[in-house]
Amino acid sequence: MCQNHGIATAPGVKAKSQEPTLSQELIDSITKSVSDGFDEQLAFTQKLIQLGGQRGEEGEIQEFMFKQFSDRGYNPVQFDIDPEAIAQHVGGGRISATHSKAPIVVGVHKPKQQAPNGKSLIINGHVDVVPLGPTDLWTLDPYSGVIEGDKLYGRGAGDMRAGVGVYVKALDALTRVGLQPASEVILESVVEEESTGNGTLMTHLKGYKADAALIPEPVGEELVRANVGVLWFQVEVRGKPVHVREMATGTNAIDASWKVIEALRELEKDWNAREIGRELYIEQHKELEHPLNLNVAMMHAGDWQSSVPAWCRVDCRIAIYPGVSAKSAADEIEAKVAEVTEANDFLKKTPPKVTWNGFYAEGYVLEPGSDAESVLQKAHQQATGETLRSAFSGAYLDSRVHSLYDKIPALCYGPLAGNIHGFDEWVSVKSIKNVTIAVALFIAEWCGVEKI
């Protein structure tokens, strides 16, 4: 939102005209500050996990985030997702009855004086989490936030409450050494990342802009080079209900639905074979033989055990390669359903209905060579002693909003985690610390620092 960005020279910062670098003194100071505040950071992350918040129930955690931003002087605002504005945007997810109505929270750090060479930054994190599944299959309470060894457990521990803690506490680490970013930093706490991407898209529509974006998703201390687009849809098939004793005279909607699913599996195989857009992700990940997966995720059908089911609704998720538009993929899916319908005598009489009810998102590619990536590579090296590796993600990432629509480098980089979307989800404690140091160093160099 600020037009002129730069870096202010503070104690321990060596400023160059194009490539500001941090002195070893400042690197050591920031690293120590993260360590000094790390017990507090773990407690903060545990609190975030314990607040829970399934889809549509994120109000409490967003109130908590609003207060955290306010207490730090980020002058937060909150606003609702506007269904009409979302519907008019090419990247808008389809809004259904289950769409969250929780607010988006955005705070903004303003420097005392805009530095001449520093750059502005968006730091984004989502607070929504996926359902728990049968809780008896969890070893611990899903919202316990228990730490055992190097693992911090709980739903959302990795995806991505730890990442939210990373960006809040990375800024706190600068504060402890008497410094703050010398450029504007926009902090975004969003919902709907797990189902539509509409939370982050709404921040774009509200006009929040910066020179780069950073999202600490649980990607194993790697930088996501590219990720797939995602579509959510539902197919409803109608049958002919009769008493089960006369089954031969009716038509089972569940059985008929498998005809549609088989056709969609053929399309999934075709998409993977075509490799449309596959050249857009980096060479080292071309060993992925099947990156585009159709997930038949939920099935609801029938209403009586002794009646042939008259209806069956199947909810699916499928991925598309970067560079393939959501609309073109959706058109192919609808055409495939129409094709199998035309070939089946029963389906032809009662054509299946396709409804788009969530993600309608194109994938993205992080083009190499940006200054932001160079700064992150350096920060990661300073924090871990290792070279930053690249990754291809087969999951949806909100980075696509900043990459495709803000047209800025979108850096998805966060801690190591496991069992994401599964039982006993965890995040590595050591990795949280590594990433927090790297993010704090990245902010210090990218934005510049000034005395508080």
Protein backbone atom coordinates (compact mmCIF):
# COMPACT_ATOMS: atom_id res chain seq x y z
CA MET A 1 0.00 0.00 0.00
CA CYS A 2 3.02 2.23 0.42
CA GLN A 3 4.60 3.28 -2.85
CA ASN A 4 8.21 4.06 -1.88
CA HIS A 5 10.07 1.34 0.00
CA GLY A 6 13.59 1.10 1.37
CA ILE A 7 15.89 0.07 4.17
CA ALA A 8 16.95 2.28 7.04
CA THR A 9 20.41 1.79 8.46
CA ALA A 10 20.16 0.67 12.08
CA PRO A 11 22.88 -0.55 14.42
CA GLY A 12 24.28 -3.79 12.98
CA VAL A 13 22.91 -3.23 9.47
CA LYS A 14 25.19 -2.62 6.52
CA ALA A 15 23.19 -0.96 3.76
CA LYS A 16 24.14 -1.21 0.11
CA SER A 17 22.34 0.50 -2.72
CA GLN A 18 20.77 -2.71 -4.10
CA GLU A 19 21.75 -5.59 -1.81
CA PRO A 20 21.35 -4.75 1.88
CA THR A 21 22.95 -7.34 4.12
CA LEU A 22 22.75 -8.00 7.83
CA SER A 23 25.88 -7.88 9.92
CA GLN A 24 26.87 -10.99 11.86
CA GLU A 25 26.20 -8.99 15.02
CA LEU A 26 22.57 -8.46 14.04
CA ILE A 27 22.14 -12.05 12.83
CA ASP A 28 23.40 -13.31 16.19
CA SER A 29 21.19 -10.85 18.05
CA ILE A 30 18.01 -11.88 16.21
CA THR A 31 18.84 -15.59 16.53
CA LYS A 32 19.33 -15.21 20.28
CA SER A 33 16.11 -13.23 20.57
CA VAL A 34 14.11 -16.03 18.94
CA SER A 35 15.72 -18.51 21.35
CA ASP A 36 15.03 -16.29 24.34
CA GLY A 37 11.35 -16.10 23.45
CA PHE A 38 10.92 -19.66 22.23
CA ASP A 39 9.25 -21.12 25.32
CA GLU A 40 6.72 -18.31 25.07
CA GLN A 41 6.28 -19.06 21.36
CA LEU A 42 5.56 -22.73 22.03
CA ALA A 43 2.95 -21.76 24.64
CA PHE A 44 1.43 -19.32 22.13
CA THR A 45 1.24 -22.07 19.50
CA GLN A 46 -0.31 -24.48 22.00
CA LYS A 47 -2.95 -21.85 22.76
CA LEU A 48 -3.72 -21.50 19.06
CA ILE A 49 -4.23 -25.27 18.79
CA GLN A 50 -6.38 -25.40 21.92
CA LEU A 51 -8.73 -22.73 20.54
CA GLY A 52 -9.83 -25.22 17.87
CA GLY A 53 -12.27 -23.85 15.34
CA GLN A 54 -13.75 -26.05 12.63
CA ARG A 55 -15.17 -24.51 9.45
CA GLY A 56 -17.57 -21.75 10.44
CA GLU A 57 -16.41 -21.83 14.07
CA GLU A 58 -13.27 -19.68 13.76
CA GLY A 59 -14.79 -16.65 15.47
CA GLU A 60 -13.01 -17.22 18.79
CA ILE A 61 -9.55 -17.66 17.32
CA GLN A 62 -10.04 -14.63 15.08
CA GLU A 63 -10.97 -12.58 18.15
CA PHE A 64 -7.77 -13.84 19.73
CA MET A 65 -5.73 -12.86 16.66
CA PHE A 66 -7.38 -9.42 16.58
CA LYS A 67 -6.28 -8.85 20.17
CA GLN A 68 -2.74 -10.08 19.45
CA PHE A 69 -2.41 -7.64 16.55
CA SER A 70 -3.94 -4.83 18.60
CA ASP A 71 -1.65 -5.42 21.59
CA ARG A 72 1.34 -5.09 19.25
CA GLY A 73 0.18 -1.82 17.73
CA TYR A 74 -0.77 -3.23 14.32
CA ASN A 75 -4.16 -1.42 14.34
CA PRO A 76 -6.15 -4.43 13.12
CA VAL A 77 -9.39 -4.41 11.21
CA GLN A 78 -11.78 -7.23 10.55
CA PHE A 79 -14.13 -7.69 7.63
CA ASP A 80 -16.44 -10.29 6.19
CA ILE A 81 -16.03 -12.27 3.01
CA ASP A 82 -18.23 -10.63 0.37
CA PRO A 83 -19.97 -13.38 -1.66
CA GLU A 84 -20.84 -11.03 -4.53
CA ALA A 85 -17.29 -9.74 -4.90
CA ILE A 86 -15.91 -13.28 -4.70
CA ALA A 87 -18.36 -14.54 -7.33
CA GLN A 88 -17.21 -11.86 -9.78
CA HIS A 89 -13.54 -12.84 -9.51
CA VAL A 90 -12.04 -15.52 -11.75
CA GLY A 91 -10.32 -17.15 -8.77
CA GLY A 92 -13.30 -17.10 -6.42
CA GLY A 93 -14.23 -20.36 -4.72
CA ARG A 94 -17.88 -21.41 -4.98
CA ILE A 95 -19.81 -20.39 -1.88
CA SER A 96 -22.11 -23.04 -0.43
CA ALA A 97 -24.23 -23.30 2.72
CA THR A 98 -21.23 -24.56 4.71
CA HIS A 99 -18.99 -21.59 3.82
CA SER A 100 -17.52 -19.89 6.90
CA LYS A 101 -18.92 -16.53 7.96
CA ALA A 102 -16.03 -15.85 10.35
CA PRO A 103 -14.26 -12.54 9.71
CA ILE A 104 -10.85 -11.93 8.17
CA VAL A 105 -8.39 -10.10 10.44
CA VAL A 106 -5.67 -7.86 9.03
CA GLY A 107 -3.10 -5.83 10.96
CA VAL A 108 -0.58 -3.41 9.49
CA HIS A 109 2.80 -2.40 10.87
CA LYS A 110 3.76 1.12 9.79
CA PRO A 111 7.40 2.26 10.05
CA LYS A 112 8.33 5.65 11.47
CA GLN A 113 9.70 6.70 8.12
CA GLN A 114 9.69 4.70 4.92
CA ALA A 115 13.24 3.48 4.26
CA PRO A 116 14.74 4.22 0.83
CA ASN A 117 15.61 0.65 -0.21
CA GLY A 118 13.47 -1.55 2.04
CA LYS A 119 10.45 -3.39 0.64
CA SER A 120 6.96 -4.03 1.95
CA LEU A 121 5.71 -7.50 2.89
CA ILE A 122 2.50 -9.46 3.34
CA ILE A 123 2.68 -12.28 5.90
CA ASN A 124 -0.32 -14.55 5.63
CA GLY A 125 -1.59 -17.47 7.65
CA HIS A 126 -4.87 -19.40 7.83
CA VAL A 127 -6.53 -20.38 11.09
CA ASP A 128 -9.14 -22.78 9.72
CA VAL A 129 -8.52 -26.49 10.23
CA VAL A 130 -9.97 -29.69 8.77
CA PRO A 131 -12.34 -32.06 10.63
CA LEU A 132 -11.00 -34.49 13.21
CA GLY A 133 -12.40 -37.80 12.00
CA PRO A 134 -13.20 -40.44 14.66
CA THR A 135 -11.58 -39.04 17.81
CA ASP A 136 -11.05 -42.52 19.26
CA LEU A 137 -8.38 -43.03 16.59
CA TRP A 138 -6.34 -40.14 18.02
CA THR A 139 -3.75 -41.07 20.61
CA LEU A 140 -4.21 -37.73 22.37
CA ASP A 141 -6.96 -35.13 22.59
CA PRO A 142 -6.93 -33.54 19.10
CA TYR A 143 -6.85 -30.06 20.65
CA SER A 144 -4.37 -30.85 23.43
CA GLY A 145 -1.30 -29.12 22.04
CA VAL A 146 0.82 -31.67 23.91
CA ILE A 147 4.58 -31.74 23.30
CA GLU A 148 6.36 -35.09 23.33
CA GLY A 149 10.03 -35.01 22.35
CA ASP A 150 10.38 -32.95 19.18
CA LYS A 151 6.70 -33.18 18.27
CA LEU A 152 3.92 -30.73 19.10
CA TYR A 153 0.59 -32.51 18.56
CA GLY A 154 -2.92 -31.41 17.66
CA ARG A 155 -5.29 -30.63 14.85
CA GLY A 156 -3.80 -27.69 13.01
CA ALA A 157 -0.45 -28.05 14.78
CA GLY A 158 1.27 -28.14 11.41
CA ASP A 159 -1.48 -26.87 9.13
CA MET A 160 -1.00 -24.15 10.11
CA ARG A 161 -1.25 -22.85 13.66
CA ALA A 162 2.52 -23.21 14.07
CA GLY A 163 3.01 -21.02 10.98
CA VAL A 164 0.74 -18.34 12.40
CA GLY A 165 2.86 -18.42 15.56
CA VAL A 166 6.00 -18.15 13.42
CA TYR A 167 5.12 -14.84 11.84
CA VAL A 168 3.80 -13.25 15.03
CA LYS A 169 6.83 -14.32 17.05
CA ALA A 170 9.37 -13.50 14.34
CA LEU A 171 8.25 -9.88 14.61
CA ASP A 172 8.31 -10.14 18.42
CA ALA A 173 11.94 -11.26 18.19
CA LEU A 174 12.83 -8.00 16.44
CA THR A 175 10.94 -6.04 19.09
CA ARG A 176 12.97 -7.67 21.88
CA VAL A 177 16.19 -6.26 20.42
CA GLY A 178 14.67 -2.81 20.07
CA LEU A 179 14.03 -2.94 16.32
CA GLN A 180 11.06 -2.99 13.98
CA PRO A 181 10.62 -3.34 10.19
CA ALA A 182 11.49 -0.14 8.33
CA SER A 183 8.83 -0.87 5.70
CA GLU A 184 5.16 -1.70 5.84
CA VAL A 185 4.27 -5.23 6.96
CA ILE A 186 0.72 -6.51 6.45
CA LEU A 187 -0.33 -9.40 8.70
CA GLU A 188 -3.26 -11.47 7.45
CA SER A 189 -5.17 -14.03 9.53
CA VAL A 190 -7.63 -15.74 7.20
CA VAL A 191 -10.25 -18.48 7.06
CA GLU A 192 -11.50 -20.65 4.17
CA GLU A 193 -8.00 -21.73 3.07
CA GLU A 194 -8.97 -25.37 3.47
CA SER A 195 -12.08 -25.17 1.30
CA THR A 196 -12.25 -22.21 -1.10
CA GLY A 197 -9.27 -19.86 -0.72
CA ASN A 198 -11.78 -17.03 -0.40
CA GLY A 199 -10.27 -15.59 2.79
CA THR A 200 -6.98 -14.58 1.22
CA LEU A 201 -8.72 -13.63 -2.02
CA MET A 202 -10.83 -11.22 0.03
CA THR A 203 -7.70 -9.47 1.32
CA HIS A 204 -6.67 -9.02 -2.32
CA LEU A 205 -10.07 -7.58 -3.18
CA LYS A 206 -9.79 -5.20 -0.22
CA GLY A 207 -6.66 -3.78 -1.82
CA TYR A 208 -3.85 -4.96 0.44
CA LYS A 209 -0.67 -4.94 -1.62
CA ALA A 210 3.06 -5.37 -1.00
CA ASP A 211 6.31 -6.16 -2.79
CA ALA A 212 6.31 -9.82 -1.72
CA ALA A 213 4.29 -12.29 0.33
CA LEU A 214 5.40 -14.98 2.78
CA ILE A 215 3.18 -17.86 3.96
CA PRO A 216 4.66 -20.24 6.59
CA GLU A 217 2.74 -23.37 5.57
CA PRO A 218 4.12 -26.75 6.76
CA VAL A 219 6.35 -27.52 3.78
CA GLY A 220 9.35 -29.07 5.51
CA GLU A 221 11.64 -26.02 5.48
CA GLU A 222 11.50 -25.98 1.67
CA LEU A 223 10.37 -23.28 -0.74
CA VAL A 224 7.38 -24.22 -2.85
CA ARG A 225 8.29 -23.67 -6.49
CA ALA A 226 4.87 -24.54 -7.89
CA ASN A 227 1.58 -26.05 -6.80
CA VAL A 228 -1.51 -27.51 -8.35
CA GLY A 229 -4.87 -25.87 -8.78
CA VAL A 230 -7.85 -27.48 -7.06
CA LEU A 231 -11.53 -27.99 -7.87
CA TRP A 232 -14.28 -29.15 -5.51
CA PHE A 233 -17.53 -30.47 -6.94
CA GLN A 234 -20.52 -32.66 -6.19
CA VAL A 235 -22.28 -35.08 -8.52
CA GLU A 236 -25.86 -36.08 -7.70
CA VAL A 237 -27.39 -39.15 -9.30
CA ARG A 238 -31.08 -40.01 -9.03
CA GLY A 239 -32.40 -43.58 -9.07
CA LYS A 240 -35.77 -45.35 -9.21
CA PRO A 241 -36.90 -46.34 -5.70
CA VAL A 242 -38.76 -49.62 -5.12
CA HIS A 243 -39.07 -52.08 -2.26
CA VAL A 244 -35.95 -54.20 -2.05
CA ARG A 245 -37.98 -57.35 -2.79
CA GLU A 246 -38.59 -55.88 -6.29
CA MET A 247 -35.04 -54.65 -6.79
CA ALA A 248 -34.87 -55.73 -10.42
CA THR A 249 -37.63 -53.26 -11.31
CA GLY A 250 -35.84 -50.27 -9.77
CA THR A 251 -32.51 -48.54 -10.27
CA ASN A 252 -29.99 -48.15 -7.47
CA ALA A 253 -28.62 -44.58 -7.45
CA ILE A 254 -25.47 -45.71 -5.62
CA ASP A 255 -24.73 -48.32 -8.29
CA ALA A 256 -25.43 -45.75 -11.02
CA SER A 257 -23.08 -43.23 -9.40
CA TRP A 258 -20.14 -45.59 -9.90
CA LYS A 259 -20.61 -45.25 -13.64
CA VAL A 260 -19.93 -41.53 -13.26
CA ILE A 261 -16.98 -42.12 -10.91
CA GLU A 262 -15.41 -44.59 -13.36
CA ALA A 263 -15.68 -41.97 -16.12
CA LEU A 264 -14.04 -39.35 -13.90
CA ARG A 265 -11.22 -41.80 -13.15
CA GLU A 266 -10.65 -42.04 -16.90
CA LEU A 267 -10.41 -38.24 -17.06
CA GLU A 268 -7.97 -38.23 -14.12
CA LYS A 269 -5.76 -40.73 -15.95
CA ASP A 270 -5.95 -38.69 -19.13
CA TRP A 271 -4.97 -35.45 -17.36
CA ASN A 272 -1.92 -37.06 -15.79
CA ALA A 273 -0.89 -38.55 -19.12
CA ARG A 274 -1.31 -35.30 -21.02
CA GLU A 275 1.01 -33.46 -18.61
CA ILE A 276 -0.50 -30.13 -19.58
CA GLY A 277 1.47 -27.53 -17.65
CA ARG A 278 3.87 -30.14 -16.25
CA GLU A 279 6.84 -28.37 -17.81
CA LEU A 280 6.09 -25.48 -15.46
CA TYR A 281 7.38 -27.23 -12.38
CA ILE A 282 10.98 -27.95 -11.74
CA GLU A 283 13.01 -30.88 -13.03
CA GLN A 284 13.78 -32.45 -9.68
CA HIS A 285 10.10 -33.17 -9.09
CA LYS A 286 9.31 -34.84 -12.38
CA GLU A 287 9.58 -38.19 -10.66
CA LEU A 288 6.03 -37.59 -9.41
CA GLU A 289 4.16 -40.09 -11.56
CA HIS A 290 0.64 -39.15 -10.53
CA PRO A 291 0.43 -35.58 -9.17
CA LEU A 292 -3.20 -35.00 -10.20
CA ASN A 293 -5.48 -36.98 -7.92
CA LEU A 294 -9.25 -37.35 -7.97
CA ASN A 295 -10.43 -37.86 -4.40
CA VAL A 296 -13.91 -39.34 -4.00
CA ALA A 297 -14.20 -37.90 -0.54
CA MET A 298 -17.80 -38.18 0.65
CA MET A 299 -20.87 -40.14 -0.37
CA HIS A 300 -24.38 -39.59 0.93
CA ALA A 301 -27.21 -41.73 -0.35
CA GLY A 302 -30.57 -43.30 0.28
CA ASP A 303 -32.89 -43.01 3.24
CA TRP A 304 -34.09 -46.56 4.06
CA GLN A 305 -32.34 -49.92 4.22
CA SER A 306 -35.22 -51.80 2.68
CA SER A 307 -35.67 -49.38 -0.22
CA VAL A 308 -33.55 -49.19 -3.37
CA PRO A 309 -31.82 -45.80 -2.95
CA ALA A 310 -33.36 -43.04 -5.04
CA TRP A 311 -30.47 -40.60 -4.71
CA CYS A 312 -26.72 -40.50 -4.24
CA ARG A 313 -24.51 -37.42 -3.81
CA VAL A 314 -20.75 -37.80 -4.25
CA ASP A 315 -18.35 -35.02 -3.24
CA CYS A 316 -15.00 -34.93 -5.05
CA ARG A 317 -11.76 -33.01 -5.18
CA ILE A 318 -9.41 -33.01 -8.15
CA ALA A 319 -6.15 -31.23 -8.90
CA ILE A 320 -5.05 -29.49 -12.10
CA TYR A 321 -1.60 -28.52 -13.36
CA PRO A 322 -0.37 -24.92 -13.04
CA GLY A 323 -1.29 -22.97 -16.14
CA VAL A 324 -4.61 -24.81 -16.62
CA SER A 325 -7.59 -22.59 -15.86
CA ALA A 326 -10.22 -23.73 -13.39
CA LYS A 327 -12.95 -23.07 -15.94
CA SER A 328 -11.39 -25.18 -18.69
CA ALA A 329 -10.95 -28.06 -16.24
CA ALA A 330 -14.51 -27.68 -14.97
CA ASP A 331 -15.79 -27.69 -18.55
CA GLU A 332 -13.96 -30.98 -19.18
CA ILE A 333 -15.47 -32.55 -16.07
CA GLU A 334 -18.98 -31.52 -17.07
CA ALA A 335 -18.37 -32.81 -20.60
CA LYS A 336 -17.16 -36.17 -19.23
CA VAL A 337 -20.26 -36.52 -17.06
CA ALA A 338 -22.42 -35.66 -20.07
CA GLU A 339 -20.56 -38.28 -22.14
CA VAL A 340 -21.19 -41.12 -19.68
CA THR A 341 -24.77 -39.94 -19.27
CA GLU A 342 -25.42 -40.16 -23.00
CA ALA A 343 -23.96 -43.68 -23.11
CA ASN A 344 -26.12 -45.04 -20.26
CA ASP A 345 -29.84 -45.63 -20.83
CA PHE A 346 -30.82 -44.98 -17.23
CA LEU A 347 -28.59 -41.94 -16.67
CA LYS A 348 -29.92 -40.48 -19.91
CA LYS A 349 -33.42 -40.45 -18.40
CA THR A 350 -32.27 -38.78 -15.17
CA PRO A 351 -29.06 -36.87 -15.98
CA PRO A 352 -26.63 -36.42 -13.06
CA LYS A 353 -26.27 -32.90 -11.72
CA VAL A 354 -22.80 -31.38 -11.23
CA THR A 355 -22.48 -28.64 -8.59
CA TRP A 356 -19.31 -26.63 -7.93
CA ASN A 357 -19.16 -26.17 -4.17
CA GLY A 358 -15.69 -25.07 -3.04
CA PHE A 359 -12.25 -24.58 -4.58
CA TYR A 360 -12.25 -23.22 -8.13
CA ALA A 361 -8.57 -22.34 -8.15
CA GLU A 362 -5.75 -22.31 -10.65
CA GLY A 363 -2.26 -23.40 -9.63
CA TYR A 364 0.79 -21.17 -9.78
CA VAL A 365 4.52 -21.20 -10.42
CA LEU A 366 7.11 -19.18 -8.49
CA GLU A 367 9.39 -17.85 -11.18
CA PRO A 368 13.07 -18.15 -10.17
CA GLY A 369 15.41 -15.23 -9.74
CA SER A 370 13.40 -12.80 -7.60
CA ASP A 371 15.10 -10.68 -4.96
CA ALA A 372 12.64 -12.02 -2.39
CA GLU A 373 13.69 -15.60 -3.05
CA SER A 374 17.36 -14.62 -2.85
CA VAL A 375 16.83 -13.00 0.54
CA LEU A 376 14.93 -16.04 1.83
CA GLN A 377 17.66 -18.39 0.61
CA LYS A 378 20.21 -16.37 2.55
CA ALA A 379 18.03 -16.26 5.68
CA HIS A 380 17.46 -20.01 5.58
CA GLN A 381 21.19 -20.63 5.21
CA GLN A 382 21.92 -18.35 8.16
CA ALA A 383 19.26 -20.03 10.31
CA THR A 384 19.96 -23.67 9.49
CA GLY A 385 23.38 -23.84 7.85
CA GLU A 386 21.78 -25.61 4.88
CA THR A 387 20.87 -24.67 1.31
CA LEU A 388 17.20 -23.92 0.76
CA ARG A 389 15.59 -26.68 -1.30
CA SER A 390 12.62 -26.31 -3.65
CA ALA A 391 9.41 -28.31 -3.65
CA PHE A 392 6.34 -28.95 -5.78
CA SER A 393 3.09 -29.06 -3.81
CA GLY A 394 0.16 -31.26 -4.70
CA ALA A 395 -2.00 -29.36 -2.21
CA TYR A 396 -3.83 -26.05 -2.48
CA LEU A 397 -1.90 -23.00 -1.23
CA ASP A 398 -3.13 -19.42 -0.74
CA SER A 399 0.14 -18.31 -2.32
CA ARG A 400 -1.72 -18.55 -5.63
CA VAL A 401 -3.63 -15.33 -4.80
CA HIS A 402 -0.47 -13.28 -4.36
CA SER A 403 1.28 -14.92 -7.30
CA LEU A 404 -1.55 -14.86 -9.86
CA TYR A 405 -3.43 -11.71 -8.90
CA ASP A 406 -1.01 -9.50 -6.96
CA LYS A 407 1.76 -10.43 -9.43
CA ILE A 408 4.40 -10.53 -6.68
CA PRO A 409 6.82 -13.22 -5.45
CA ALA A 410 4.80 -15.50 -3.16
CA LEU A 411 7.11 -17.45 -0.85
CA CYS A 412 5.55 -20.50 0.76
CA TYR A 413 8.07 -21.63 3.36
CA GLY A 414 7.38 -23.21 6.73
CA PRO A 415 8.17 -25.93 9.26
CA LEU A 416 8.36 -29.71 9.04
CA ALA A 417 5.10 -31.42 10.02
CA GLY A 418 3.44 -34.80 9.73
CA ASN A 419 0.03 -36.51 9.62
CA ILE A 420 -1.48 -33.35 8.14
CA HIS A 421 -5.25 -33.84 7.74
CA GLY A 422 -4.79 -37.17 9.55
CA PHE A 423 -4.77 -38.55 13.09
CA ASP A 424 -2.13 -37.32 15.56
CA GLU A 425 -1.09 -34.35 13.42
CA TRP A 426 2.24 -32.94 14.59
CA VAL A 427 4.82 -30.28 13.89
CA SER A 428 8.53 -30.39 14.70
CA VAL A 429 9.54 -28.13 17.58
CA LYS A 430 13.08 -27.79 16.26
CA SER A 431 11.76 -26.87 12.84
CA ILE A 432 9.45 -24.20 14.26
CA LYS A 433 12.50 -22.57 15.78
CA ASN A 434 14.56 -22.85 12.58
CA VAL A 435 11.81 -21.29 10.51
CA THR A 436 11.12 -18.50 13.01
CA ILE A 437 14.80 -17.49 12.93
CA ALA A 438 14.80 -17.59 9.12
CA VAL A 439 11.59 -15.55 8.86
CA ALA A 440 12.87 -12.96 11.35
CA LEU A 441 16.12 -12.62 9.40
CA PHE A 442 14.18 -12.42 6.14
CA ILE A 443 12.00 -9.60 7.47
CA ALA A 444 15.04 -7.74 8.78
CA GLU A 445 16.77 -7.78 5.42
CA TRP A 446 13.77 -7.52 3.09
CA CYS A 447 12.05 -4.71 4.97
CA GLY A 448 15.06 -3.19 6.66
CA VAL A 449 14.97 -2.36 10.37
CA GLU A 450 14.81 0.79 12.43
CA LYS A 451 14.95 1.54 16.14
CA ILE A 452 11.60 1.40 17.88
